[in-house]
Protein backbone atom coordinates (compact mmCIF):
# COMPACT_ATOMS: atom_id res chain seq x y z
CA UNK A 1 57.21 124.51 71.30
CA UNK A 2 53.56 123.46 71.09
CA UNK A 3 54.58 120.19 69.43
CA UNK A 4 57.05 119.56 72.26
CA UNK A 5 54.29 120.10 74.84
CA UNK A 6 52.03 117.67 72.98
CA UNK A 7 54.79 115.05 72.96
CA UNK A 8 55.45 115.58 76.68
CA UNK A 9 51.74 115.23 77.38
CA UNK A 10 51.60 111.96 75.44
CA UNK A 11 54.62 110.63 77.33
CA UNK A 12 53.01 111.58 80.64
CA UNK A 13 49.78 109.84 79.63
CA UNK A 14 51.68 106.67 78.75
CA UNK A 15 53.58 106.81 82.03
CA UNK A 16 50.33 107.31 83.95
CA UNK A 17 48.79 104.32 82.18
CA UNK A 18 51.81 102.16 83.05
CA UNK A 19 51.61 103.27 86.68
CA UNK A 20 47.91 102.44 86.82
CA UNK A 21 48.59 99.01 85.35
CA UNK A 22 51.29 98.40 87.97
CA UNK A 23 48.95 99.57 90.74
CA UNK A 24 46.30 97.09 89.62
CA UNK A 25 48.87 94.29 89.45
CA UNK A 26 50.13 95.10 92.94
CA UNK A 27 46.56 95.17 94.21
CA UNK A 28 45.98 91.66 92.84
CA UNK A 29 49.21 90.41 94.40
CA UNK A 30 48.21 92.00 97.72
CA UNK A 31 44.81 90.29 97.66
CA UNK A 32 46.34 86.90 96.87
CA UNK A 33 48.96 87.37 99.59
CA UNK A 34 46.23 88.22 102.10
CA UNK A 35 44.34 85.05 101.14
CA UNK A 36 47.49 82.95 101.56
CA UNK A 37 48.29 84.53 104.93
CA UNK A 38 44.75 83.93 106.13
CA UNK A 39 44.94 80.26 105.15
CA UNK A 40 48.31 79.91 106.87
CA UNK A 41 46.83 81.43 110.02
CA UNK A 42 43.92 78.98 109.90
CA UNK A 43 46.32 76.07 109.49
CA UNK A 44 48.41 77.30 112.40
CA UNK A 45 45.25 77.45 114.52
CA UNK A 46 44.54 73.85 113.50
CA UNK A 47 48.06 72.86 114.60
CA UNK A 48 49.27 71.68 111.22
CA UNK A 49 52.64 69.97 111.47
CA UNK A 50 55.73 71.72 110.17
CA UNK A 51 56.40 68.70 107.99
CA UNK A 52 52.96 68.92 106.33
CA UNK A 53 53.32 72.66 105.81
CA UNK A 54 56.80 72.11 104.37
CA UNK A 55 55.42 69.55 101.93
CA UNK A 56 52.80 72.04 100.77
CA UNK A 57 55.44 74.71 100.25
CA UNK A 58 57.82 72.36 98.43
CA UNK A 59 54.99 71.12 96.23
CA UNK A 60 54.17 74.72 95.33
CA UNK A 61 57.77 75.57 94.52
CA UNK A 62 58.16 72.39 92.47
CA UNK A 63 55.09 73.13 90.36
CA UNK A 64 56.32 76.71 89.74
CA UNK A 65 59.90 75.69 88.94
CA UNK A 66 60.08 77.13 85.40
CA UNK A 67 61.36 80.71 85.70
CA UNK A 68 59.24 83.26 83.93
CA UNK A 69 58.86 86.99 84.02
CA UNK A 70 59.50 87.92 87.66
CA UNK A 71 56.20 89.73 88.22
CA UNK A 72 54.02 87.10 86.59
CA UNK A 73 55.97 84.32 88.30
CA UNK A 74 55.42 85.87 91.72
CA UNK A 75 51.67 85.91 91.23
CA UNK A 76 51.74 82.35 89.87
CA UNK A 77 53.61 81.12 92.96
CA UNK A 78 51.17 82.87 95.31
CA UNK A 79 48.18 81.55 93.39
CA UNK A 80 49.58 78.00 93.38
CA UNK A 81 50.35 78.19 97.10
CA UNK A 82 46.81 79.42 97.73
CA UNK A 83 45.35 76.43 95.84
CA UNK A 84 47.71 74.00 97.59
CA UNK A 85 46.66 75.38 100.99
CA UNK A 86 42.95 75.25 100.19
CA UNK A 87 43.38 71.59 99.23
CA UNK A 88 44.87 70.82 102.65
CA UNK A 89 42.90 68.04 104.37
CA UNK A 90 42.81 69.91 107.69
CA UNK A 91 40.96 72.81 106.08
CA UNK A 92 38.68 70.44 104.20
CA UNK A 93 37.68 68.68 107.42
CA UNK A 94 37.13 71.93 109.34
CA UNK A 95 33.41 72.64 109.73
CA UNK A 96 32.21 75.46 107.51
CA UNK A 97 30.66 77.31 110.45
CA UNK A 98 33.98 77.27 112.34
CA UNK A 99 35.87 78.51 109.26
CA UNK A 100 33.43 81.39 108.78
CA UNK A 101 33.63 82.24 112.47
CA UNK A 102 37.42 82.29 112.29
CA UNK A 103 37.37 84.54 109.25
CA UNK A 104 35.10 87.07 110.90
CA UNK A 105 37.27 87.17 114.02
CA UNK A 106 40.61 87.35 112.23
CA UNK A 107 42.58 90.56 112.27
CA UNK A 108 43.32 91.39 108.64
CA UNK A 109 46.74 92.68 107.68
CA UNK A 110 46.46 95.85 105.63
CA UNK A 111 49.27 96.85 103.31
CA UNK A 112 49.07 100.38 102.00
CA UNK A 113 51.25 101.90 99.34
């Protein structure tokens, strides 16, 4: 009976470790998603055309075409989209002071689990 309890404890420890790993992964995805949403909001405020935004999205999807593990692929797509958005000429030409002002006034979206 004691051996069974030890085995159950080990299984629970492994499950807890897997849950913690998943929580960290979800936290990273949430942060990247928040960054992407903030950039999209800035671009909307700068009146980016739907065509330009569509090109950015299609470019992102094209560069992430190879299917991988679903969880890793999701983060890769978000990360690529983030980099594509930051490279957008409208954001590059926006004065730094205005960008910082916009960030401090923006209403952040909070996702809680």
